[in-house]
Amino acid sequence: MITVTRIGKHLGAHISGVDLSRPVDDDTFAQIAKAFFDNEVAFFRNQKITPEHQVAFTRRFGTLEQHVRKESRLAEHPEILIVSNVLDDKGNAIGSQDAGRFWHSDLSYKKEPSMLSALYALEVPIKDARVLGDTSFASTTAAYDALPEDTKRRISGLKNVHSYRFYRAKNVEAQKQEQASGGRVIQEQVLSEEQLKSVPDVETPLVRTHPVTKRKGLFVNEAHTSHIVGMPPSESEKLLSELYQHIIKPEFVYTHKWQPGDLLMWDNAAVQHKATFDYDLPLRRLMYRTTVRGTAAY
């Protein structure tokens, strides 16, 4: 029997009473799935799992994705994306160093964007007995519910474009500005044209209906949304900016403080997330991420 403890106001729960290195029976898995969708973000503490365990457990939620960034996949398990600032013995990045700079939902730029992402913490940065590298999550369903009725009517039926090219250009520019001001130096992997073509821009509803809970949520994010379809650029930018700021109001946010052995899952159809980069080498951060394919947004 699992125990579910709500942490945040609208999202975030600790699930205890399960060892993910052991087979999870159908009844227990059903309880976990319900707790996950009810709370939008859920985590397990003190897990000692292998990549095989992580892949097997998250695959029970659906088909696993392989990220377009081939160089950041775990060689033996390409379903796992390495999220890390760790370098190999030649000084090369072993994974994605800059994932989560902006608020986003994973793979929202795909025709079938991710439903679930799971991040397993192998190493977390600690300085002066304080854990660094928090991850914040914002509930887009709670944010939508709190909108004034006239705003809900205004945005009903609108579509926005999610673009991986837009994200890459925005991220590179942010890295240049950070480095120019004496900040972190990131080894930016240059994607081939073939890789970029594999993730063409997609139009998707600005207000999305969750495929499982049927709740409505705002499906826009600052990382991947390039513009609102059919709206003048200045008006589009203004409306998007207002929505972005609304989504991340404190009452809609849960911030997770990592511990080694945490496996944390989030619902990409219901939340956005953002990393905190308050650490750098020699402080190490190493995590493995799996993502479960969702359905086309509607």
C-alpha atoms as a PDB file:
ATOM      1  CA  MET A   1       0.000   0.000   0.000  1.00  0.00           C
ATOM      2  CA  ILE A   2       1.510   3.304  -1.054  1.00  0.00           C
ATOM      3  CA  THR A   3       1.259   6.568   0.885  1.00  0.00           C
ATOM      4  CA  VAL A   4       0.697   9.825  -0.995  1.00  0.00           C
ATOM      5  CA  THR A   5       1.596  13.108   0.718  1.00  0.00           C
ATOM      6  CA  ARG A   6       0.650  16.350  -1.067  1.00  0.00           C
ATOM      7  CA  ILE A   7       3.476  18.913  -0.875  1.00  0.00           C
ATOM      8  CA  GLY A   8       2.386  21.922  -2.951  1.00  0.00           C
ATOM      9  CA  LYS A   9      -0.935  23.768  -3.055  1.00  0.00           C
ATOM     10  CA  HIS A  10      -1.936  22.696  -6.558  1.00  0.00           C
ATOM     11  CA  LEU A  11       0.741  20.140  -7.486  1.00  0.00           C
ATOM     12  CA  GLY A  12       3.534  18.031  -6.073  1.00  0.00           C
ATOM     13  CA  ALA A  13       3.291  14.852  -4.000  1.00  0.00           C
ATOM     14  CA  HIS A  14       5.645  12.412  -2.290  1.00  0.00           C
ATOM     15  CA  ILE A  15       4.830   8.745  -2.939  1.00  0.00           C
ATOM     16  CA  SER A  16       6.279   6.362  -0.361  1.00  0.00           C
ATOM     17  CA  GLY A  17       5.953   2.649   0.284  1.00  0.00           C
ATOM     18  CA  VAL A  18       7.337   1.382  -3.027  1.00  0.00           C
ATOM     19  CA  ASP A  19      10.763   0.127  -4.146  1.00  0.00           C
ATOM     20  CA  LEU A  20      11.114   0.738  -7.885  1.00  0.00           C
ATOM     21  CA  SER A  21      14.034  -1.698  -8.146  1.00  0.00           C
ATOM     22  CA  ARG A  22      11.476  -4.477  -7.624  1.00  0.00           C
ATOM     23  CA  PRO A  23       8.554  -5.462  -9.858  1.00  0.00           C
ATOM     24  CA  VAL A  24       5.482  -3.282  -9.226  1.00  0.00           C
ATOM     25  CA  ASP A  25       2.224  -5.221  -9.260  1.00  0.00           C
ATOM     26  CA  ASP A  26      -0.758  -3.974 -11.257  1.00  0.00           C
ATOM     27  CA  ASP A  27      -2.727  -2.751  -8.252  1.00  0.00           C
ATOM     28  CA  THR A  28       0.192  -0.742  -6.882  1.00  0.00           C
ATOM     29  CA  PHE A  29       0.925   0.679 -10.319  1.00  0.00           C
ATOM     30  CA  ALA A  30      -2.720   1.767 -10.659  1.00  0.00           C
ATOM     31  CA  GLN A  31      -2.412   3.610  -7.332  1.00  0.00           C
ATOM     32  CA  ILE A  32       0.804   5.287  -8.489  1.00  0.00           C
ATOM     33  CA  ALA A  33      -0.753   6.348 -11.800  1.00  0.00           C
ATOM     34  CA  LYS A  34      -3.776   7.840 -10.036  1.00  0.00           C
ATOM     35  CA  ALA A  35      -1.550   9.728  -7.569  1.00  0.00           C
ATOM     36  CA  PHE A  36       0.536  11.008 -10.454  1.00  0.00           C
ATOM     37  CA  PHE A  37      -2.346  12.379 -12.516  1.00  0.00           C
ATOM     38  CA  ASP A  38      -4.083  13.760  -9.423  1.00  0.00           C
ATOM     39  CA  ASN A  39      -0.980  15.690  -8.339  1.00  0.00           C
ATOM     40  CA  GLU A  40       0.703  16.459 -11.716  1.00  0.00           C
ATOM     41  CA  VAL A  41       4.178  16.096 -10.115  1.00  0.00           C
ATOM     42  CA  ALA A  42       5.105  13.102  -7.960  1.00  0.00           C
ATOM     43  CA  PHE A  43       8.392  11.816  -6.581  1.00  0.00           C
ATOM     44  CA  PHE A  44       9.860   8.757  -4.888  1.00  0.00           C
ATOM     45  CA  ARG A  45      12.776   9.104  -2.433  1.00  0.00           C
ATOM     46  CA  ASN A  46      15.759   6.868  -1.671  1.00  0.00           C
ATOM     47  CA  GLN A  47      15.450   4.766  -4.804  1.00  0.00           C
ATOM     48  CA  LYS A  48      18.377   2.640  -5.970  1.00  0.00           C
ATOM     49  CA  ILE A  49      17.523   1.854  -9.564  1.00  0.00           C
ATOM     50  CA  THR A  50      19.418   1.000 -12.726  1.00  0.00           C
ATOM     51  CA  PRO A  51      18.685   2.398 -16.186  1.00  0.00           C
ATOM     52  CA  GLU A  52      16.875  -0.887 -16.882  1.00  0.00           C
ATOM     53  CA  HIS A  53      14.603  -0.292 -13.884  1.00  0.00           C
ATOM     54  CA  GLN A  54      13.849   3.279 -14.940  1.00  0.00           C
ATOM     55  CA  VAL A  55      13.067   2.296 -18.521  1.00  0.00           C
ATOM     56  CA  ALA A  56      10.872  -0.614 -17.463  1.00  0.00           C
ATOM     57  CA  PHE A  57       8.888   1.415 -14.921  1.00  0.00           C
ATOM     58  CA  THR A  58       8.240   4.474 -17.075  1.00  0.00           C
ATOM     59  CA  ARG A  59       7.430   2.318 -20.110  1.00  0.00           C
ATOM     60  CA  ARG A  60       4.357   1.085 -18.232  1.00  0.00           C
ATOM     61  CA  PHE A  61       2.861   4.552 -18.786  1.00  0.00           C
ATOM     62  CA  GLY A  62       3.300   4.311 -22.573  1.00  0.00           C
ATOM     63  CA  THR A  63       5.765   4.449 -25.470  1.00  0.00           C
ATOM     64  CA  LEU A  64       9.147   5.966 -24.589  1.00  0.00           C
ATOM     65  CA  GLU A  65      10.662   8.758 -26.678  1.00  0.00           C
ATOM     66  CA  GLN A  66      14.242   9.043 -27.931  1.00  0.00           C
ATOM     67  CA  HIS A  67      15.411  12.653 -27.827  1.00  0.00           C
ATOM     68  CA  VAL A  68      16.552  14.357 -31.038  1.00  0.00           C
ATOM     69  CA  ARG A  69      19.901  15.119 -29.344  1.00  0.00           C
ATOM     70  CA  LYS A  70      21.568  11.785 -30.057  1.00  0.00           C
ATOM     71  CA  GLU A  71      24.849  12.858 -28.495  1.00  0.00           C
ATOM     72  CA  SER A  72      23.157  13.218 -25.086  1.00  0.00           C
ATOM     73  CA  ARG A  73      21.474   9.817 -25.013  1.00  0.00           C
ATOM     74  CA  LEU A  74      22.766   7.026 -22.791  1.00  0.00           C
ATOM     75  CA  ALA A  75      24.568   4.689 -25.167  1.00  0.00           C
ATOM     76  CA  GLU A  76      23.187   1.415 -23.781  1.00  0.00           C
ATOM     77  CA  HIS A  77      19.688   2.864 -23.336  1.00  0.00           C
ATOM     78  CA  PRO A  78      18.857   5.491 -25.983  1.00  0.00           C
ATOM     79  CA  GLU A  79      15.483   6.099 -24.297  1.00  0.00           C
ATOM     80  CA  ILE A  80      17.443   7.857 -21.528  1.00  0.00           C
ATOM     81  CA  LEU A  81      18.558  11.458 -21.965  1.00  0.00           C
ATOM     82  CA  ILE A  82      21.555  12.389 -19.796  1.00  0.00           C
ATOM     83  CA  VAL A  83      20.999  15.732 -18.053  1.00  0.00           C
ATOM     84  CA  SER A  84      24.306  16.729 -16.529  1.00  0.00           C
ATOM     85  CA  ASN A  85      27.162  19.207 -16.272  1.00  0.00           C
ATOM     86  CA  VAL A  86      29.694  16.361 -15.955  1.00  0.00           C
ATOM     87  CA  LEU A  87      32.552  16.108 -18.457  1.00  0.00           C
ATOM     88  CA  ASP A  88      34.369  12.997 -19.625  1.00  0.00           C
ATOM     89  CA  ASP A  89      38.146  12.480 -19.262  1.00  0.00           C
ATOM     90  CA  LYS A  90      38.693  14.440 -22.481  1.00  0.00           C
ATOM     91  CA  GLY A  91      36.707  17.424 -21.252  1.00  0.00           C
ATOM     92  CA  ASN A  92      33.645  16.741 -23.392  1.00  0.00           C
ATOM     93  CA  ALA A  93      30.094  17.050 -22.081  1.00  0.00           C
ATOM     94  CA  ILE A  94      28.505  13.644 -21.455  1.00  0.00           C
ATOM     95  CA  GLY A  95      24.946  14.995 -21.598  1.00  0.00           C
ATOM     96  CA  SER A  96      22.721  18.026 -21.958  1.00  0.00           C
ATOM     97  CA  GLN A  97      24.301  20.777 -19.859  1.00  0.00           C
ATOM     98  CA  ASP A  98      21.692  23.467 -20.335  1.00  0.00           C
ATOM     99  CA  ALA A  99      18.347  21.659 -20.228  1.00  0.00           C
ATOM    100  CA  GLY A 100      15.573  23.684 -18.658  1.00  0.00           C
ATOM    101  CA  ARG A 101      16.936  27.225 -18.923  1.00  0.00           C
ATOM    102  CA  PHE A 102      13.459  28.518 -19.795  1.00  0.00           C
ATOM    103  CA  TRP A 103       9.992  27.514 -18.587  1.00  0.00           C
ATOM    104  CA  HIS A 104       8.789  24.713 -20.841  1.00  0.00           C
ATOM    105  CA  SER A 105       7.038  21.359 -21.150  1.00  0.00           C
ATOM    106  CA  ASP A 106       9.099  18.569 -22.668  1.00  0.00           C
ATOM    107  CA  LEU A 107       8.861  17.999 -26.418  1.00  0.00           C
ATOM    108  CA  SER A 108       5.876  20.342 -26.742  1.00  0.00           C
ATOM    109  CA  TYR A 109       7.174  21.019 -30.276  1.00  0.00           C
ATOM    110  CA  LYS A 110       6.251  17.510 -31.457  1.00  0.00           C
ATOM    111  CA  LYS A 111       2.964  16.455 -33.050  1.00  0.00           C
ATOM    112  CA  GLU A 112       2.516  14.059 -30.135  1.00  0.00           C
ATOM    113  CA  PRO A 113       4.171  15.929 -27.252  1.00  0.00           C
ATOM    114  CA  SER A 114       5.368  14.088 -24.185  1.00  0.00           C
ATOM    115  CA  MET A 115       2.871  13.125 -21.537  1.00  0.00           C
ATOM    116  CA  LEU A 116       5.180  12.071 -18.708  1.00  0.00           C
ATOM    117  CA  SER A 117       8.823  12.775 -17.955  1.00  0.00           C
ATOM    118  CA  ALA A 118      10.786  11.028 -15.211  1.00  0.00           C
ATOM    119  CA  LEU A 119      14.111  12.322 -13.888  1.00  0.00           C
ATOM    120  CA  TYR A 120      16.331  10.155 -11.696  1.00  0.00           C
ATOM    121  CA  ALA A 121      18.973  11.899  -9.587  1.00  0.00           C
ATOM    122  CA  LEU A 122      22.316  10.090  -9.385  1.00  0.00           C
ATOM    123  CA  GLU A 123      24.379  13.097  -8.228  1.00  0.00           C
ATOM    124  CA  VAL A 124      23.241  16.498  -6.962  1.00  0.00           C
ATOM    125  CA  PRO A 125      25.435  19.552  -6.325  1.00  0.00           C
ATOM    126  CA  ILE A 126      25.949  20.431  -2.656  1.00  0.00           C
ATOM    127  CA  LYS A 127      27.742  23.483  -1.302  1.00  0.00           C
ATOM    128  CA  ASP A 128      28.064  24.416   2.375  1.00  0.00           C
ATOM    129  CA  ALA A 129      25.626  21.620   3.251  1.00  0.00           C
ATOM    130  CA  ARG A 130      22.983  23.123   0.931  1.00  0.00           C
ATOM    131  CA  VAL A 131      21.651  21.290  -2.121  1.00  0.00           C
ATOM    132  CA  LEU A 132      21.696  23.385  -5.302  1.00  0.00           C
ATOM    133  CA  GLY A 133      20.028  22.902  -8.675  1.00  0.00           C
ATOM    134  CA  ASP A 134      16.350  22.961  -7.665  1.00  0.00           C
ATOM    135  CA  THR A 135      13.667  22.392 -10.306  1.00  0.00           C
ATOM    136  CA  SER A 136      10.454  24.424 -10.259  1.00  0.00           C
ATOM    137  CA  PHE A 137       7.120  23.240 -11.670  1.00  0.00           C
ATOM    138  CA  ALA A 138       4.040  25.337 -12.483  1.00  0.00           C
ATOM    139  CA  SER A 139       0.518  23.992 -12.904  1.00  0.00           C
ATOM    140  CA  THR A 140      -0.957  25.201 -16.190  1.00  0.00           C
ATOM    141  CA  THR A 141      -4.322  23.690 -15.251  1.00  0.00           C
ATOM    142  CA  ALA A 142      -4.570  25.647 -11.992  1.00  0.00           C
ATOM    143  CA  ALA A 143      -3.375  28.734 -13.868  1.00  0.00           C
ATOM    144  CA  TYR A 144      -6.121  28.299 -16.477  1.00  0.00           C
ATOM    145  CA  ASP A 145      -8.806  27.780 -13.823  1.00  0.00           C
ATOM    146  CA  ALA A 146      -7.781  31.068 -12.177  1.00  0.00           C
ATOM    147  CA  LEU A 147      -8.071  33.165 -15.348  1.00  0.00           C
ATOM    148  CA  PRO A 148     -10.874  35.748 -15.572  1.00  0.00           C
ATOM    149  CA  GLU A 149     -13.780  34.529 -17.677  1.00  0.00           C
ATOM    150  CA  ASP A 150     -13.246  37.234 -20.302  1.00  0.00           C
ATOM    151  CA  THR A 151      -9.639  36.059 -20.782  1.00  0.00           C
ATOM    152  CA  LYS A 152     -10.822  32.460 -21.148  1.00  0.00           C
ATOM    153  CA  ARG A 153     -13.242  33.584 -23.862  1.00  0.00           C
ATOM    154  CA  ARG A 154     -10.522  35.638 -25.596  1.00  0.00           C
ATOM    155  CA  ILE A 155      -8.058  32.746 -25.839  1.00  0.00           C
ATOM    156  CA  SER A 156     -10.592  30.011 -26.621  1.00  0.00           C
ATOM    157  CA  GLY A 157      -9.866  28.565 -30.045  1.00  0.00           C
ATOM    158  CA  LEU A 158      -6.508  30.287 -30.476  1.00  0.00           C
ATOM    159  CA  LYS A 159      -3.506  28.311 -31.684  1.00  0.00           C
ATOM    160  CA  ASN A 160       0.185  28.827 -31.047  1.00  0.00           C
ATOM    161  CA  VAL A 161       3.261  27.515 -32.831  1.00  0.00           C
ATOM    162  CA  HIS A 162       5.758  25.391 -30.914  1.00  0.00           C
ATOM    163  CA  SER A 163       9.177  25.386 -32.566  1.00  0.00           C
ATOM    164  CA  TYR A 164      12.401  23.578 -31.698  1.00  0.00           C
ATOM    165  CA  ARG A 165      14.321  25.886 -34.056  1.00  0.00           C
ATOM    166  CA  PHE A 166      12.952  28.854 -32.112  1.00  0.00           C
ATOM    167  CA  TYR A 167      14.107  27.270 -28.857  1.00  0.00           C
ATOM    168  CA  ARG A 168      17.593  26.471 -30.107  1.00  0.00           C
ATOM    169  CA  ALA A 169      18.132  30.025 -31.375  1.00  0.00           C
ATOM    170  CA  LYS A 170      16.806  31.507 -28.123  1.00  0.00           C
ATOM    171  CA  ASN A 171      18.976  29.224 -25.998  1.00  0.00           C
ATOM    172  CA  VAL A 172      22.158  29.939 -27.958  1.00  0.00           C
ATOM    173  CA  GLU A 173      21.587  33.689 -27.648  1.00  0.00           C
ATOM    174  CA  ALA A 174      21.037  33.370 -23.897  1.00  0.00           C
ATOM    175  CA  GLN A 175      24.246  31.352 -23.564  1.00  0.00           C
ATOM    176  CA  LYS A 176      26.213  34.028 -25.447  1.00  0.00           C
ATOM    177  CA  GLN A 177      24.888  36.752 -23.163  1.00  0.00           C
ATOM    178  CA  GLU A 178      25.661  34.718 -20.047  1.00  0.00           C
ATOM    179  CA  GLN A 179      29.208  33.948 -21.156  1.00  0.00           C
ATOM    180  CA  ALA A 180      29.811  37.583 -22.156  1.00  0.00           C
ATOM    181  CA  SER A 181      28.931  38.622 -18.610  1.00  0.00           C
ATOM    182  CA  GLY A 182      31.352  36.095 -17.111  1.00  0.00           C
ATOM    183  CA  GLY A 183      28.845  33.318 -16.506  1.00  0.00           C
ATOM    184  CA  ARG A 184      28.964  29.604 -17.263  1.00  0.00           C
ATOM    185  CA  VAL A 185      30.581  28.302 -20.448  1.00  0.00           C
ATOM    186  CA  ILE A 186      28.345  25.708 -22.100  1.00  0.00           C
ATOM    187  CA  GLN A 187      29.466  23.186 -24.710  1.00  0.00           C
ATOM    188  CA  GLU A 188      26.646  23.769 -27.172  1.00  0.00           C
ATOM    189  CA  GLN A 189      26.147  20.813 -29.500  1.00  0.00           C
ATOM    190  CA  VAL A 190      25.350  21.916 -33.054  1.00  0.00           C
ATOM    191  CA  LEU A 191      22.435  19.961 -34.448  1.00  0.00           C
ATOM    192  CA  SER A 192      22.478  18.878 -38.071  1.00  0.00           C
ATOM    193  CA  GLU A 193      19.852  20.088 -40.514  1.00  0.00           C
ATOM    194  CA  GLU A 194      18.569  16.518 -40.620  1.00  0.00           C
ATOM    195  CA  GLN A 195      18.010  16.558 -36.857  1.00  0.00           C
ATOM    196  CA  LEU A 196      16.201  19.898 -37.004  1.00  0.00           C
ATOM    197  CA  LYS A 197      13.994  18.751 -39.879  1.00  0.00           C
ATOM    198  CA  SER A 198      12.949  15.747 -37.812  1.00  0.00           C
ATOM    199  CA  VAL A 199      11.110  18.134 -35.458  1.00  0.00           C
ATOM    200  CA  PRO A 200       9.227  20.614 -37.685  1.00  0.00           C
ATOM    201  CA  ASP A 201       7.165  23.414 -36.193  1.00  0.00           C
ATOM    202  CA  VAL A 202       3.657  22.454 -35.043  1.00  0.00           C
ATOM    203  CA  GLU A 203       0.458  24.414 -34.472  1.00  0.00           C
ATOM    204  CA  THR A 204      -1.314  23.450 -31.277  1.00  0.00           C
ATOM    205  CA  PRO A 205      -4.261  24.782 -29.258  1.00  0.00           C
ATOM    206  CA  LEU A 206      -3.383  27.488 -26.775  1.00  0.00           C
ATOM    207  CA  VAL A 207      -5.871  25.895 -24.363  1.00  0.00           C
ATOM    208  CA  ARG A 208      -5.374  22.146 -24.153  1.00  0.00           C
ATOM    209  CA  THR A 209      -7.673  19.438 -22.771  1.00  0.00           C
ATOM    210  CA  HIS A 210      -5.777  16.877 -20.704  1.00  0.00           C
ATOM    211  CA  PRO A 211      -6.070  13.425 -22.327  1.00  0.00           C
ATOM    212  CA  VAL A 212      -6.547  11.645 -18.985  1.00  0.00           C
ATOM    213  CA  THR A 213      -8.081  14.068 -16.464  1.00  0.00           C
ATOM    214  CA  LYS A 214      -9.948  16.154 -19.100  1.00  0.00           C
ATOM    215  CA  ARG A 215      -8.935  19.347 -17.261  1.00  0.00           C
ATOM    216  CA  LYS A 216      -8.174  22.390 -19.403  1.00  0.00           C
ATOM    217  CA  GLY A 217      -4.743  23.977 -19.220  1.00  0.00           C
ATOM    218  CA  LEU A 218      -2.632  26.617 -20.919  1.00  0.00           C
ATOM    219  CA  PHE A 219      -0.404  24.982 -23.529  1.00  0.00           C
ATOM    220  CA  VAL A 220       2.068  27.778 -24.216  1.00  0.00           C
ATOM    221  CA  ASN A 221       5.623  28.159 -22.922  1.00  0.00           C
ATOM    222  CA  GLU A 222       8.410  30.683 -23.250  1.00  0.00           C
ATOM    223  CA  ALA A 223      10.952  28.155 -24.510  1.00  0.00           C
ATOM    224  CA  HIS A 224       9.067  26.724 -27.479  1.00  0.00           C
ATOM    225  CA  THR A 225       6.163  29.034 -28.388  1.00  0.00           C
ATOM    226  CA  SER A 226       7.231  31.306 -31.237  1.00  0.00           C
ATOM    227  CA  HIS A 227       3.900  33.124 -31.785  1.00  0.00           C
ATOM    228  CA  ILE A 228       0.117  32.949 -31.736  1.00  0.00           C
ATOM    229  CA  VAL A 229      -1.339  32.036 -35.116  1.00  0.00           C
ATOM    230  CA  GLY A 230      -3.080  34.849 -37.007  1.00  0.00           C
ATOM    231  CA  MET A 231      -2.266  37.547 -34.441  1.00  0.00           C
ATOM    232  CA  PRO A 232      -0.094  40.634 -35.136  1.00  0.00           C
ATOM    233  CA  PRO A 233       3.398  40.116 -33.655  1.00  0.00           C
ATOM    234  CA  SER A 234       3.135  42.884 -31.066  1.00  0.00           C
ATOM    235  CA  GLU A 235      -0.263  41.665 -29.854  1.00  0.00           C
ATOM    236  CA  SER A 236       0.959  38.070 -29.813  1.00  0.00           C
ATOM    237  CA  GLU A 237       4.037  38.947 -27.758  1.00  0.00           C
ATOM    238  CA  LYS A 238       1.973  40.966 -25.276  1.00  0.00           C
ATOM    239  CA  LEU A 239      -0.607  38.233 -24.730  1.00  0.00           C
ATOM    240  CA  LEU A 240       2.036  35.500 -24.447  1.00  0.00           C
ATOM    241  CA  SER A 241       4.008  37.556 -21.927  1.00  0.00           C
ATOM    242  CA  GLU A 242       0.882  38.027 -19.807  1.00  0.00           C
ATOM    243  CA  LEU A 243       0.120  34.305 -19.870  1.00  0.00           C
ATOM    244  CA  TYR A 244       3.723  33.325 -19.063  1.00  0.00           C
ATOM    245  CA  GLN A 245       3.755  35.584 -16.006  1.00  0.00           C
ATOM    246  CA  HIS A 246       0.358  34.327 -14.878  1.00  0.00           C
ATOM    247  CA  ILE A 247       1.365  30.643 -15.090  1.00  0.00           C
ATOM    248  CA  ILE A 248       4.365  31.083 -12.777  1.00  0.00           C
ATOM    249  CA  LYS A 249       2.602  32.946  -9.976  1.00  0.00           C
ATOM    250  CA  PRO A 250       3.773  31.502  -6.639  1.00  0.00           C
ATOM    251  CA  GLU A 251       0.440  29.847  -5.856  1.00  0.00           C
ATOM    252  CA  PHE A 252       0.765  27.662  -8.976  1.00  0.00           C
ATOM    253  CA  VAL A 253       4.417  26.625  -8.379  1.00  0.00           C
ATOM    254  CA  TYR A 254       6.083  23.737  -6.559  1.00  0.00           C
ATOM    255  CA  THR A 255       9.892  23.774  -6.258  1.00  0.00           C
ATOM    256  CA  HIS A 256      11.649  20.457  -5.757  1.00  0.00           C
ATOM    257  CA  LYS A 257      14.828  20.224  -3.710  1.00  0.00           C
ATOM    258  CA  TRP A 258      16.658  17.171  -4.988  1.00  0.00           C
ATOM    259  CA  GLN A 259      18.231  14.332  -3.080  1.00  0.00           C
ATOM    260  CA  PRO A 260      20.325  11.547  -4.626  1.00  0.00           C
ATOM    261  CA  GLY A 261      17.996   8.640  -5.289  1.00  0.00           C
ATOM    262  CA  ASP A 262      14.965  10.787  -6.138  1.00  0.00           C
ATOM    263  CA  LEU A 263      12.862   9.663  -9.080  1.00  0.00           C
ATOM    264  CA  LEU A 264      10.532  12.521  -9.940  1.00  0.00           C
ATOM    265  CA  MET A 265       7.806  12.415 -12.589  1.00  0.00           C
ATOM    266  CA  TRP A 266       5.869  15.327 -14.060  1.00  0.00           C
ATOM    267  CA  ASP A 267       2.855  15.609 -16.340  1.00  0.00           C
ATOM    268  CA  ASN A 268       3.787  17.602 -19.440  1.00  0.00           C
ATOM    269  CA  ALA A 269       0.127  18.065 -20.356  1.00  0.00           C
ATOM    270  CA  ALA A 270      -0.499  19.829 -17.036  1.00  0.00           C
ATOM    271  CA  VAL A 271       2.731  21.532 -15.912  1.00  0.00           C
ATOM    272  CA  GLN A 272       5.748  23.485 -17.068  1.00  0.00           C
ATOM    273  CA  HIS A 273       9.146  23.342 -15.413  1.00  0.00           C
ATOM    274  CA  LYS A 274      12.384  25.298 -15.162  1.00  0.00           C
ATOM    275  CA  ALA A 275      15.846  24.441 -13.850  1.00  0.00           C
ATOM    276  CA  THR A 276      17.896  26.501 -11.402  1.00  0.00           C
ATOM    277  CA  PHE A 277      21.517  26.989 -12.479  1.00  0.00           C
ATOM    278  CA  ASP A 278      23.099  28.076  -9.200  1.00  0.00           C
ATOM    279  CA  TYR A 279      26.022  25.640  -9.408  1.00  0.00           C
ATOM    280  CA  ASP A 280      28.987  24.901 -11.653  1.00  0.00           C
ATOM    281  CA  LEU A 281      31.899  22.481 -11.776  1.00  0.00           C
ATOM    282  CA  PRO A 282      33.524  21.114  -9.705  1.00  0.00           C
ATOM    283  CA  LEU A 283      30.006  20.732  -8.219  1.00  0.00           C
ATOM    284  CA  ARG A 284      28.508  17.854 -10.199  1.00  0.00           C
ATOM    285  CA  ARG A 285      24.921  17.165 -11.247  1.00  0.00           C
ATOM    286  CA  LEU A 286      24.029  13.921 -13.033  1.00  0.00           C
ATOM    287  CA  MET A 287      20.497  12.810 -13.851  1.00  0.00           C
ATOM    288  CA  TYR A 288      18.777  10.408 -16.244  1.00  0.00           C
ATOM    289  CA  ARG A 289      15.520  11.349 -17.943  1.00  0.00           C
ATOM    290  CA  THR A 290      12.941   9.180 -19.665  1.00  0.00           C
ATOM    291  CA  THR A 291       9.893  10.597 -21.449  1.00  0.00           C
ATOM    292  CA  VAL A 292       6.603   8.955 -22.377  1.00  0.00           C
ATOM    293  CA  ARG A 293       4.926   9.942 -25.635  1.00  0.00           C
ATOM    294  CA  GLY A 294       1.516  11.538 -25.281  1.00  0.00           C
ATOM    295  CA  THR A 295      -1.236  12.307 -27.768  1.00  0.00           C
ATOM    296  CA  ALA A 296      -1.732  15.215 -30.134  1.00  0.00           C
ATOM    297  CA  ALA A 297      -2.991  18.219 -28.191  1.00  0.00           C
ATOM    298  CA  TYR A 298      -6.665  19.092 -28.538  1.00  0.00           C
END
